[in-house]
């Protein structure tokens, strides 16, 4: 196998294909804000989007880096670890991760000065969870809390950031935006948690070798599959609830049309959970649910349908 170039190594290290996992909750937060609060700050929104994506990529890179270190320490060999597969030099990996964190931090500090302490609070919580997720002696990803941690950090916090950056200077500023944000972000929280759960279902045997005791380890694969399916069902129920509470337009209910497509995708994964051949169905299901929710919300905004 030829040595991959830096572009290929970068995309692999930060798992660039997963950027959508952070981008969609952010876009969902923006769509909700414009519908519910009728306010939007384009420049600030674009800047914060860059910070969010940079941090997402940095966390991905850090996960791969720390996983490599754990396999090296344990004397095990991983068939899935990106550092080994793409022959990535560790100093170069550290440079990429550090640069992405720096970009995110600089933008975060600038926007905090401009928009206020709530942005700093949400940002700090995200940084702490992002590091604790794979860093330190007892990383979250080695525990049963990996799924909710990833769902809350990316599904909730990112949606919340998108909401706050667009209403901090609005006459309709709502001090309870964190609560409405929680209700609207529930589908994102659930389907993003399922990405982690699906990943752990596939990696159960390898995870045990490096001391990872994830949710799948404790409840077993059959029960984990039931949790996976339940989260998808609850995500659709959350969309219905948000429309009933008038947090999203009635048009958003058309996202329920994706149920048969998601069902088929998840059925394939459940029948043969495999990282290389069927795991992509989990990512596609996430996109089907969140993209359809965003698109139909935007259509509802366009036609001013409540």
C-alpha atoms as a PDB file:
ATOM      1  CA  UNK A   1       0.000   0.000   0.000  1.00  0.00           C
ATOM      2  CA  UNK A   2       1.356   3.432  -0.983  1.00  0.00           C
ATOM      3  CA  UNK A   3       1.837   5.986   1.771  1.00  0.00           C
ATOM      4  CA  UNK A   4      -1.217   8.299   1.746  1.00  0.00           C
ATOM      5  CA  UNK A   5      -0.605  11.992   1.096  1.00  0.00           C
ATOM      6  CA  UNK A   6      -1.228  14.651   3.755  1.00  0.00           C
ATOM      7  CA  UNK A   7      -4.689  15.465   2.441  1.00  0.00           C
ATOM      8  CA  UNK A   8      -5.744  11.825   2.752  1.00  0.00           C
ATOM      9  CA  UNK A   9      -4.115  11.540   6.166  1.00  0.00           C
ATOM     10  CA  UNK A  10      -5.839  14.712   7.380  1.00  0.00           C
ATOM     11  CA  UNK A  11      -9.264  13.552   6.181  1.00  0.00           C
ATOM     12  CA  UNK A  12      -8.716  10.174   7.838  1.00  0.00           C
ATOM     13  CA  UNK A  13      -7.315  11.526  11.129  1.00  0.00           C
ATOM     14  CA  UNK A  14     -10.160  13.978  11.721  1.00  0.00           C
ATOM     15  CA  UNK A  15     -12.744  11.717  10.058  1.00  0.00           C
ATOM     16  CA  UNK A  16     -13.846  14.548   7.795  1.00  0.00           C
ATOM     17  CA  UNK A  17     -16.844  12.559   6.570  1.00  0.00           C
ATOM     18  CA  UNK A  18     -18.416  12.890  10.035  1.00  0.00           C
ATOM     19  CA  UNK A  19     -18.485  16.703   9.886  1.00  0.00           C
ATOM     20  CA  UNK A  20     -22.170  16.424   9.066  1.00  0.00           C
ATOM     21  CA  UNK A  21     -22.767  15.182  12.635  1.00  0.00           C
ATOM     22  CA  UNK A  22     -21.899  18.640  13.978  1.00  0.00           C
ATOM     23  CA  UNK A  23     -23.135  20.644  11.001  1.00  0.00           C
ATOM     24  CA  UNK A  24     -26.714  19.348  11.073  1.00  0.00           C
ATOM     25  CA  UNK A  25     -27.518  20.211  14.729  1.00  0.00           C
ATOM     26  CA  UNK A  26     -26.086  23.664  14.063  1.00  0.00           C
ATOM     27  CA  UNK A  27     -28.277  24.142  10.999  1.00  0.00           C
ATOM     28  CA  UNK A  28     -31.254  22.798  12.941  1.00  0.00           C
ATOM     29  CA  UNK A  29     -30.629  25.414  15.642  1.00  0.00           C
ATOM     30  CA  UNK A  30     -30.426  28.154  13.013  1.00  0.00           C
ATOM     31  CA  UNK A  31     -33.654  27.060  11.320  1.00  0.00           C
ATOM     32  CA  UNK A  32     -35.488  26.850  14.649  1.00  0.00           C
ATOM     33  CA  UNK A  33     -34.225  30.283  15.712  1.00  0.00           C
ATOM     34  CA  UNK A  34     -35.383  31.987  12.550  1.00  0.00           C
ATOM     35  CA  UNK A  35     -38.810  30.316  12.781  1.00  0.00           C
ATOM     36  CA  UNK A  36     -39.412  30.800  16.503  1.00  0.00           C
ATOM     37  CA  UNK A  37     -37.579  34.067  17.286  1.00  0.00           C
ATOM     38  CA  UNK A  38     -37.563  35.675  13.845  1.00  0.00           C
ATOM     39  CA  UNK A  39     -33.972  36.823  14.288  1.00  0.00           C
ATOM     40  CA  UNK A  40     -30.662  35.889  12.616  1.00  0.00           C
ATOM     41  CA  UNK A  41     -27.047  37.143  12.823  1.00  0.00           C
ATOM     42  CA  UNK A  42     -25.391  35.915   9.636  1.00  0.00           C
ATOM     43  CA  UNK A  43     -21.774  36.985  10.297  1.00  0.00           C
ATOM     44  CA  UNK A  44     -21.619  35.673  13.852  1.00  0.00           C
ATOM     45  CA  UNK A  45     -23.358  32.476  12.769  1.00  0.00           C
ATOM     46  CA  UNK A  46     -20.782  31.745  10.072  1.00  0.00           C
ATOM     47  CA  UNK A  47     -17.865  32.414  12.433  1.00  0.00           C
ATOM     48  CA  UNK A  48     -19.262  30.161  15.126  1.00  0.00           C
ATOM     49  CA  UNK A  49     -19.910  27.467  12.530  1.00  0.00           C
ATOM     50  CA  UNK A  50     -16.195  27.443  11.670  1.00  0.00           C
ATOM     51  CA  UNK A  51     -15.357  27.127  15.384  1.00  0.00           C
ATOM     52  CA  UNK A  52     -17.823  24.274  15.874  1.00  0.00           C
ATOM     53  CA  UNK A  53     -16.533  22.283  12.900  1.00  0.00           C
ATOM     54  CA  UNK A  54     -12.888  22.889  13.880  1.00  0.00           C
ATOM     55  CA  UNK A  55     -13.540  21.597  17.385  1.00  0.00           C
ATOM     56  CA  UNK A  56     -15.450  18.591  16.059  1.00  0.00           C
ATOM     57  CA  UNK A  57     -12.510  17.648  13.836  1.00  0.00           C
ATOM     58  CA  UNK A  58     -10.045  18.187  16.694  1.00  0.00           C
ATOM     59  CA  UNK A  59     -12.007  15.843  18.981  1.00  0.00           C
ATOM     60  CA  UNK A  60     -12.109  13.190  16.237  1.00  0.00           C
ATOM     61  CA  UNK A  61      -8.345  13.458  15.782  1.00  0.00           C
ATOM     62  CA  UNK A  62      -7.780  13.278  19.530  1.00  0.00           C
ATOM     63  CA  UNK A  63      -9.927  10.142  19.742  1.00  0.00           C
ATOM     64  CA  UNK A  64      -7.845   8.420  17.076  1.00  0.00           C
ATOM     65  CA  UNK A  65      -4.594   9.563  18.697  1.00  0.00           C
ATOM     66  CA  UNK A  66      -5.507   8.332  22.174  1.00  0.00           C
ATOM     67  CA  UNK A  67      -6.893   5.050  20.817  1.00  0.00           C
ATOM     68  CA  UNK A  68      -3.563   4.450  19.075  1.00  0.00           C
ATOM     69  CA  UNK A  69      -1.704   5.097  22.326  1.00  0.00           C
ATOM     70  CA  UNK A  70      -3.929   2.664  24.224  1.00  0.00           C
ATOM     71  CA  UNK A  71      -3.405  -0.090  21.651  1.00  0.00           C
ATOM     72  CA  UNK A  72       0.346   0.533  21.697  1.00  0.00           C
ATOM     73  CA  UNK A  73       0.439   0.407  25.504  1.00  0.00           C
ATOM     74  CA  UNK A  74      -1.624  -2.782  25.642  1.00  0.00           C
ATOM     75  CA  UNK A  75       0.480  -4.476  22.974  1.00  0.00           C
ATOM     76  CA  UNK A  76      -2.617  -5.096  20.846  1.00  0.00           C
ATOM     77  CA  UNK A  77      -3.050  -4.484  17.134  1.00  0.00           C
ATOM     78  CA  UNK A  78      -6.103  -2.664  15.814  1.00  0.00           C
ATOM     79  CA  UNK A  79      -7.391  -3.234  12.294  1.00  0.00           C
ATOM     80  CA  UNK A  80      -9.500  -0.080  12.481  1.00  0.00           C
ATOM     81  CA  UNK A  81      -7.186   2.546  14.004  1.00  0.00           C
ATOM     82  CA  UNK A  82      -6.529   5.382  11.568  1.00  0.00           C
ATOM     83  CA  UNK A  83      -3.027   6.273  12.825  1.00  0.00           C
ATOM     84  CA  UNK A  84      -1.731   2.837  11.847  1.00  0.00           C
ATOM     85  CA  UNK A  85      -3.794   2.326   8.713  1.00  0.00           C
ATOM     86  CA  UNK A  86      -2.820   5.673   7.153  1.00  0.00           C
ATOM     87  CA  UNK A  87       0.765   5.714   8.479  1.00  0.00           C
ATOM     88  CA  UNK A  88       0.263   9.054  10.236  1.00  0.00           C
ATOM     89  CA  UNK A  89       3.257  10.525  12.079  1.00  0.00           C
ATOM     90  CA  UNK A  90       2.399  11.335  15.692  1.00  0.00           C
ATOM     91  CA  UNK A  91       4.033  14.832  15.725  1.00  0.00           C
ATOM     92  CA  UNK A  92       2.054  15.750  12.589  1.00  0.00           C
ATOM     93  CA  UNK A  93      -1.156  14.454  14.195  1.00  0.00           C
ATOM     94  CA  UNK A  94      -0.507  16.568  17.305  1.00  0.00           C
ATOM     95  CA  UNK A  95       0.083  19.646  15.127  1.00  0.00           C
ATOM     96  CA  UNK A  96      -3.217  19.180  13.289  1.00  0.00           C
ATOM     97  CA  UNK A  97      -5.198  18.599  16.475  1.00  0.00           C
ATOM     98  CA  UNK A  98      -3.602  21.576  18.246  1.00  0.00           C
ATOM     99  CA  UNK A  99      -4.179  23.897  15.283  1.00  0.00           C
ATOM    100  CA  UNK A 100      -7.856  22.998  15.069  1.00  0.00           C
ATOM    101  CA  UNK A 101      -8.321  23.594  18.797  1.00  0.00           C
ATOM    102  CA  UNK A 102      -6.562  26.956  18.484  1.00  0.00           C
ATOM    103  CA  UNK A 103      -8.826  28.089  15.635  1.00  0.00           C
ATOM    104  CA  UNK A 104     -11.901  27.112  17.627  1.00  0.00           C
ATOM    105  CA  UNK A 105     -10.629  28.832  20.788  1.00  0.00           C
ATOM    106  CA  UNK A 106      -9.726  32.116  19.066  1.00  0.00           C
ATOM    107  CA  UNK A 107     -13.137  32.405  17.419  1.00  0.00           C
ATOM    108  CA  UNK A 108     -14.824  31.405  20.671  1.00  0.00           C
ATOM    109  CA  UNK A 109     -13.018  34.090  22.667  1.00  0.00           C
ATOM    110  CA  UNK A 110     -13.848  36.767  20.089  1.00  0.00           C
ATOM    111  CA  UNK A 111     -17.539  35.858  20.019  1.00  0.00           C
ATOM    112  CA  UNK A 112     -17.697  35.610  23.814  1.00  0.00           C
ATOM    113  CA  UNK A 113     -16.433  39.175  24.125  1.00  0.00           C
ATOM    114  CA  UNK A 114     -19.090  40.221  21.641  1.00  0.00           C
ATOM    115  CA  UNK A 115     -22.040  38.051  22.679  1.00  0.00           C
ATOM    116  CA  UNK A 116     -21.564  37.490  26.408  1.00  0.00           C
ATOM    117  CA  UNK A 117     -20.856  34.860  29.055  1.00  0.00           C
ATOM    118  CA  UNK A 118     -23.538  32.263  28.091  1.00  0.00           C
ATOM    119  CA  UNK A 119     -21.549  31.537  24.932  1.00  0.00           C
ATOM    120  CA  UNK A 120     -18.407  31.083  27.045  1.00  0.00           C
ATOM    121  CA  UNK A 121     -20.228  28.756  29.440  1.00  0.00           C
ATOM    122  CA  UNK A 122     -21.570  26.519  26.662  1.00  0.00           C
ATOM    123  CA  UNK A 123     -18.168  26.578  24.955  1.00  0.00           C
ATOM    124  CA  UNK A 124     -16.240  25.644  28.106  1.00  0.00           C
ATOM    125  CA  UNK A 125     -18.629  22.783  28.861  1.00  0.00           C
ATOM    126  CA  UNK A 126     -18.160  21.513  25.308  1.00  0.00           C
ATOM    127  CA  UNK A 127     -14.358  21.769  25.590  1.00  0.00           C
ATOM    128  CA  UNK A 128     -14.352  19.910  28.916  1.00  0.00           C
ATOM    129  CA  UNK A 129     -16.578  17.106  27.655  1.00  0.00           C
ATOM    130  CA  UNK A 130     -14.670  16.997  24.368  1.00  0.00           C
ATOM    131  CA  UNK A 131     -11.365  16.441  26.173  1.00  0.00           C
ATOM    132  CA  UNK A 132     -12.790  14.137  28.853  1.00  0.00           C
ATOM    133  CA  UNK A 133     -14.415  12.071  26.125  1.00  0.00           C
ATOM    134  CA  UNK A 134     -11.102  10.521  25.083  1.00  0.00           C
ATOM    135  CA  UNK A 135      -8.445  12.124  27.319  1.00  0.00           C
ATOM    136  CA  UNK A 136      -7.213  11.546  30.840  1.00  0.00           C
ATOM    137  CA  UNK A 137      -6.906   8.329  32.804  1.00  0.00           C
ATOM    138  CA  UNK A 138     -10.643   7.583  32.758  1.00  0.00           C
ATOM    139  CA  UNK A 139     -12.036   8.828  29.417  1.00  0.00           C
ATOM    140  CA  UNK A 140     -15.791   8.884  28.958  1.00  0.00           C
ATOM    141  CA  UNK A 141     -15.608   6.759  25.810  1.00  0.00           C
ATOM    142  CA  UNK A 142     -14.421   3.819  27.922  1.00  0.00           C
ATOM    143  CA  UNK A 143     -17.605   3.961  29.993  1.00  0.00           C
ATOM    144  CA  UNK A 144     -21.343   3.428  29.421  1.00  0.00           C
ATOM    145  CA  UNK A 145     -21.690   7.234  29.326  1.00  0.00           C
ATOM    146  CA  UNK A 146     -20.074   7.581  25.893  1.00  0.00           C
ATOM    147  CA  UNK A 147     -23.382   7.580  24.020  1.00  0.00           C
ATOM    148  CA  UNK A 148     -25.202  10.260  26.057  1.00  0.00           C
ATOM    149  CA  UNK A 149     -22.018  12.361  26.270  1.00  0.00           C
ATOM    150  CA  UNK A 150     -21.650  12.481  22.488  1.00  0.00           C
ATOM    151  CA  UNK A 151     -25.363  13.073  21.959  1.00  0.00           C
ATOM    152  CA  UNK A 152     -25.586  15.898  24.476  1.00  0.00           C
ATOM    153  CA  UNK A 153     -22.342  17.594  23.406  1.00  0.00           C
ATOM    154  CA  UNK A 154     -23.054  17.562  19.681  1.00  0.00           C
ATOM    155  CA  UNK A 155     -26.816  17.268  19.560  1.00  0.00           C
ATOM    156  CA  UNK A 156     -27.716  19.686  22.354  1.00  0.00           C
ATOM    157  CA  UNK A 157     -24.744  22.004  22.914  1.00  0.00           C
ATOM    158  CA  UNK A 158     -24.225  22.725  19.231  1.00  0.00           C
ATOM    159  CA  UNK A 159     -27.931  23.433  18.696  1.00  0.00           C
ATOM    160  CA  UNK A 160     -27.830  25.678  21.760  1.00  0.00           C
ATOM    161  CA  UNK A 161     -24.828  27.589  20.413  1.00  0.00           C
ATOM    162  CA  UNK A 162     -26.648  28.210  17.139  1.00  0.00           C
ATOM    163  CA  UNK A 163     -29.692  29.504  19.008  1.00  0.00           C
ATOM    164  CA  UNK A 164     -27.804  31.800  21.374  1.00  0.00           C
ATOM    165  CA  UNK A 165     -25.541  33.396  18.762  1.00  0.00           C
ATOM    166  CA  UNK A 166     -28.672  34.433  16.854  1.00  0.00           C
ATOM    167  CA  UNK A 167     -30.738  35.818  19.739  1.00  0.00           C
ATOM    168  CA  UNK A 168     -28.201  37.392  22.132  1.00  0.00           C
ATOM    169  CA  UNK A 169     -28.903  40.838  20.626  1.00  0.00           C
ATOM    170  CA  UNK A 170     -32.553  40.247  19.804  1.00  0.00           C
ATOM    171  CA  UNK A 171     -35.425  42.223  21.389  1.00  0.00           C
ATOM    172  CA  UNK A 172     -37.117  38.809  21.742  1.00  0.00           C
ATOM    173  CA  UNK A 173     -34.244  37.352  23.779  1.00  0.00           C
ATOM    174  CA  UNK A 174     -35.543  34.400  25.797  1.00  0.00           C
ATOM    175  CA  UNK A 175     -33.718  33.483  29.053  1.00  0.00           C
ATOM    176  CA  UNK A 176     -35.232  30.010  28.755  1.00  0.00           C
ATOM    177  CA  UNK A 177     -33.734  29.384  25.309  1.00  0.00           C
ATOM    178  CA  UNK A 178     -31.831  26.458  26.815  1.00  0.00           C
ATOM    179  CA  UNK A 179     -35.126  24.667  27.497  1.00  0.00           C
ATOM    180  CA  UNK A 180     -36.714  25.232  24.105  1.00  0.00           C
ATOM    181  CA  UNK A 181     -33.342  24.293  22.629  1.00  0.00           C
ATOM    182  CA  UNK A 182     -33.417  21.006  24.519  1.00  0.00           C
ATOM    183  CA  UNK A 183     -36.854  20.124  23.170  1.00  0.00           C
ATOM    184  CA  UNK A 184     -35.920  20.979  19.591  1.00  0.00           C
ATOM    185  CA  UNK A 185     -32.552  19.212  19.749  1.00  0.00           C
ATOM    186  CA  UNK A 186     -33.887  15.877  21.090  1.00  0.00           C
ATOM    187  CA  UNK A 187     -33.890  14.184  17.650  1.00  0.00           C
ATOM    188  CA  UNK A 188     -30.268  15.263  17.144  1.00  0.00           C
ATOM    189  CA  UNK A 189     -29.273  14.060  20.628  1.00  0.00           C
ATOM    190  CA  UNK A 190     -30.818  10.648  20.018  1.00  0.00           C
ATOM    191  CA  UNK A 191     -29.521   9.964  16.509  1.00  0.00           C
ATOM    192  CA  UNK A 192     -26.018  11.205  17.348  1.00  0.00           C
ATOM    193  CA  UNK A 193     -25.965   8.963  20.420  1.00  0.00           C
ATOM    194  CA  UNK A 194     -26.856   6.134  18.057  1.00  0.00           C
ATOM    195  CA  UNK A 195     -23.735   6.806  15.980  1.00  0.00           C
ATOM    196  CA  UNK A 196     -21.620   6.130  19.063  1.00  0.00           C
ATOM    197  CA  UNK A 197     -23.779   3.146  20.020  1.00  0.00           C
ATOM    198  CA  UNK A 198     -23.547   1.632  16.541  1.00  0.00           C
ATOM    199  CA  UNK A 199     -19.788   2.168  16.544  1.00  0.00           C
ATOM    200  CA  UNK A 200     -19.477   0.407  19.911  1.00  0.00           C
ATOM    201  CA  UNK A 201     -21.654  -2.474  18.738  1.00  0.00           C
ATOM    202  CA  UNK A 202     -19.220  -3.033  15.868  1.00  0.00           C
ATOM    203  CA  UNK A 203     -16.070  -2.615  17.986  1.00  0.00           C
ATOM    204  CA  UNK A 204     -17.150  -4.585  21.067  1.00  0.00           C
ATOM    205  CA  UNK A 205     -14.391  -7.235  20.822  1.00  0.00           C
ATOM    206  CA  UNK A 206     -11.591  -4.743  20.124  1.00  0.00           C
ATOM    207  CA  UNK A 207     -12.833  -2.372  22.830  1.00  0.00           C
ATOM    208  CA  UNK A 208     -12.469  -5.055  25.489  1.00  0.00           C
ATOM    209  CA  UNK A 209      -8.784  -5.454  24.561  1.00  0.00           C
ATOM    210  CA  UNK A 210      -8.034  -1.843  25.493  1.00  0.00           C
ATOM    211  CA  UNK A 211     -10.207  -1.736  28.585  1.00  0.00           C
ATOM    212  CA  UNK A 212     -13.257  -0.010  27.133  1.00  0.00           C
ATOM    213  CA  UNK A 213     -16.385  -1.007  29.057  1.00  0.00           C
ATOM    214  CA  UNK A 214     -19.051   0.663  26.957  1.00  0.00           C
ATOM    215  CA  UNK A 215     -22.810   0.370  27.219  1.00  0.00           C
ATOM    216  CA  UNK A 216     -22.723  -2.579  24.822  1.00  0.00           C
ATOM    217  CA  UNK A 217     -20.311  -4.417  27.132  1.00  0.00           C
ATOM    218  CA  UNK A 218     -22.722  -4.134  30.074  1.00  0.00           C
ATOM    219  CA  UNK A 219     -26.086  -4.754  28.429  1.00  0.00           C
ATOM    220  CA  UNK A 220     -25.011  -7.039  25.576  1.00  0.00           C
ATOM    221  CA  UNK A 221     -25.500  -6.740  21.830  1.00  0.00           C
ATOM    222  CA  UNK A 222     -29.213  -7.768  21.640  1.00  0.00           C
ATOM    223  CA  UNK A 223     -30.233  -5.170  24.245  1.00  0.00           C
ATOM    224  CA  UNK A 224     -28.012  -2.554  22.577  1.00  0.00           C
ATOM    225  CA  UNK A 225     -29.867  -3.173  19.302  1.00  0.00           C
ATOM    226  CA  UNK A 226     -33.183  -2.519  21.085  1.00  0.00           C
ATOM    227  CA  UNK A 227     -31.824   0.741  22.508  1.00  0.00           C
ATOM    228  CA  UNK A 228     -30.684   1.731  19.016  1.00  0.00           C
ATOM    229  CA  UNK A 229     -34.131   1.173  17.509  1.00  0.00           C
ATOM    230  CA  UNK A 230     -35.862   2.905  20.446  1.00  0.00           C
ATOM    231  CA  UNK A 231     -33.752   6.039  19.975  1.00  0.00           C
ATOM    232  CA  UNK A 232     -34.824   6.322  16.338  1.00  0.00           C
ATOM    233  CA  UNK A 233     -38.478   5.913  17.311  1.00  0.00           C
ATOM    234  CA  UNK A 234     -38.142   8.532  20.053  1.00  0.00           C
ATOM    235  CA  UNK A 235     -36.490  10.972  17.646  1.00  0.00           C
ATOM    236  CA  UNK A 236     -39.616  10.963  15.468  1.00  0.00           C
ATOM    237  CA  UNK A 237     -41.845  11.331  18.536  1.00  0.00           C
ATOM    238  CA  UNK A 238     -39.726  14.354  19.563  1.00  0.00           C
ATOM    239  CA  UNK A 239     -40.328  15.972  16.167  1.00  0.00           C
ATOM    240  CA  UNK A 240     -44.085  15.512  16.561  1.00  0.00           C
ATOM    241  CA  UNK A 241     -43.938  16.982  20.087  1.00  0.00           C
ATOM    242  CA  UNK A 242     -41.980  20.039  18.878  1.00  0.00           C
ATOM    243  CA  UNK A 243     -44.612  20.727  16.215  1.00  0.00           C
ATOM    244  CA  UNK A 244     -47.465  20.307  18.711  1.00  0.00           C
ATOM    245  CA  UNK A 245     -45.734  22.813  21.021  1.00  0.00           C
ATOM    246  CA  UNK A 246     -45.339  25.177  18.022  1.00  0.00           C
ATOM    247  CA  UNK A 247     -41.579  25.198  18.280  1.00  0.00           C
ATOM    248  CA  UNK A 248     -41.376  24.000  14.681  1.00  0.00           C
ATOM    249  CA  UNK A 249     -43.749  24.560  11.731  1.00  0.00           C
ATOM    250  CA  UNK A 250     -46.400  22.002  10.812  1.00  0.00           C
ATOM    251  CA  UNK A 251     -44.496  21.379   7.586  1.00  0.00           C
ATOM    252  CA  UNK A 252     -41.739  19.727   9.657  1.00  0.00           C
ATOM    253  CA  UNK A 253     -44.047  16.726  10.126  1.00  0.00           C
ATOM    254  CA  UNK A 254     -43.244  15.763   6.534  1.00  0.00           C
ATOM    255  CA  UNK A 255     -39.897  14.528   7.850  1.00  0.00           C
ATOM    256  CA  UNK A 256     -41.869  11.505   9.101  1.00  0.00           C
ATOM    257  CA  UNK A 257     -41.890  10.357   5.482  1.00  0.00           C
ATOM    258  CA  UNK A 258     -38.319   9.152   6.056  1.00  0.00           C
ATOM    259  CA  UNK A 259     -39.463   6.472   8.525  1.00  0.00           C
ATOM    260  CA  UNK A 260     -39.586   3.633   5.925  1.00  0.00           C
ATOM    261  CA  UNK A 261     -36.129   4.591   4.603  1.00  0.00           C
ATOM    262  CA  UNK A 262     -34.600   4.700   8.074  1.00  0.00           C
ATOM    263  CA  UNK A 263     -36.287   1.405   8.953  1.00  0.00           C
ATOM    264  CA  UNK A 264     -34.688  -0.332   5.968  1.00  0.00           C
ATOM    265  CA  UNK A 265     -31.250   1.085   6.766  1.00  0.00           C
ATOM    266  CA  UNK A 266     -31.352   0.073  10.408  1.00  0.00           C
ATOM    267  CA  UNK A 267     -32.678  -3.379   9.545  1.00  0.00           C
ATOM    268  CA  UNK A 268     -29.590  -3.971   7.386  1.00  0.00           C
ATOM    269  CA  UNK A 269     -27.266  -2.868  10.205  1.00  0.00           C
ATOM    270  CA  UNK A 270     -29.021  -4.976  12.847  1.00  0.00           C
ATOM    271  CA  UNK A 271     -28.868  -8.097  10.678  1.00  0.00           C
ATOM    272  CA  UNK A 272     -25.104  -7.709  10.221  1.00  0.00           C
ATOM    273  CA  UNK A 273     -23.447  -5.000  12.325  1.00  0.00           C
ATOM    274  CA  UNK A 274     -20.048  -4.394  10.736  1.00  0.00           C
ATOM    275  CA  UNK A 275     -17.806  -1.324  10.719  1.00  0.00           C
ATOM    276  CA  UNK A 276     -16.735  -1.694   7.092  1.00  0.00           C
ATOM    277  CA  UNK A 277     -19.921  -2.865   5.375  1.00  0.00           C
ATOM    278  CA  UNK A 278     -23.070  -1.793   7.245  1.00  0.00           C
ATOM    279  CA  UNK A 279     -22.156   0.933   9.766  1.00  0.00           C
ATOM    280  CA  UNK A 280     -22.620   3.626   7.119  1.00  0.00           C
ATOM    281  CA  UNK A 281     -26.360   2.947   7.397  1.00  0.00           C
ATOM    282  CA  UNK A 282     -26.275   4.541  10.867  1.00  0.00           C
ATOM    283  CA  UNK A 283     -24.768   7.721   9.415  1.00  0.00           C
ATOM    284  CA  UNK A 284     -27.242   7.767   6.532  1.00  0.00           C
ATOM    285  CA  UNK A 285     -30.151   7.356   8.964  1.00  0.00           C
ATOM    286  CA  UNK A 286     -28.903  10.352  10.947  1.00  0.00           C
ATOM    287  CA  UNK A 287     -28.790  12.408   7.782  1.00  0.00           C
ATOM    288  CA  UNK A 288     -32.225  11.284   6.628  1.00  0.00           C
ATOM    289  CA  UNK A 289     -33.828  12.355   9.905  1.00  0.00           C
ATOM    290  CA  UNK A 290     -32.012  15.639  10.513  1.00  0.00           C
ATOM    291  CA  UNK A 291     -31.731  16.858   6.921  1.00  0.00           C
ATOM    292  CA  UNK A 292     -35.421  16.227   6.296  1.00  0.00           C
ATOM    293  CA  UNK A 293     -36.293  18.006   9.562  1.00  0.00           C
ATOM    294  CA  UNK A 294     -34.187  21.014   8.568  1.00  0.00           C
ATOM    295  CA  UNK A 295     -35.451  21.156   4.978  1.00  0.00           C
ATOM    296  CA  UNK A 296     -39.137  20.944   5.900  1.00  0.00           C
ATOM    297  CA  UNK A 297     -38.650  23.486   8.684  1.00  0.00           C
ATOM    298  CA  UNK A 298     -37.115  25.884   6.159  1.00  0.00           C
ATOM    299  CA  UNK A 299     -40.005  25.242   3.764  1.00  0.00           C
ATOM    300  CA  UNK A 300     -42.404  25.996   6.610  1.00  0.00           C
ATOM    301  CA  UNK A 301     -40.562  29.252   7.256  1.00  0.00           C
ATOM    302  CA  UNK A 302     -40.691  30.162   3.550  1.00  0.00           C
ATOM    303  CA  UNK A 303     -44.433  29.650   3.378  1.00  0.00           C
ATOM    304  CA  UNK A 304     -44.863  31.133   6.862  1.00  0.00           C
ATOM    305  CA  UNK A 305     -46.736  28.017   7.971  1.00  0.00           C
ATOM    306  CA  UNK A 306     -47.075  27.587  11.710  1.00  0.00           C
END
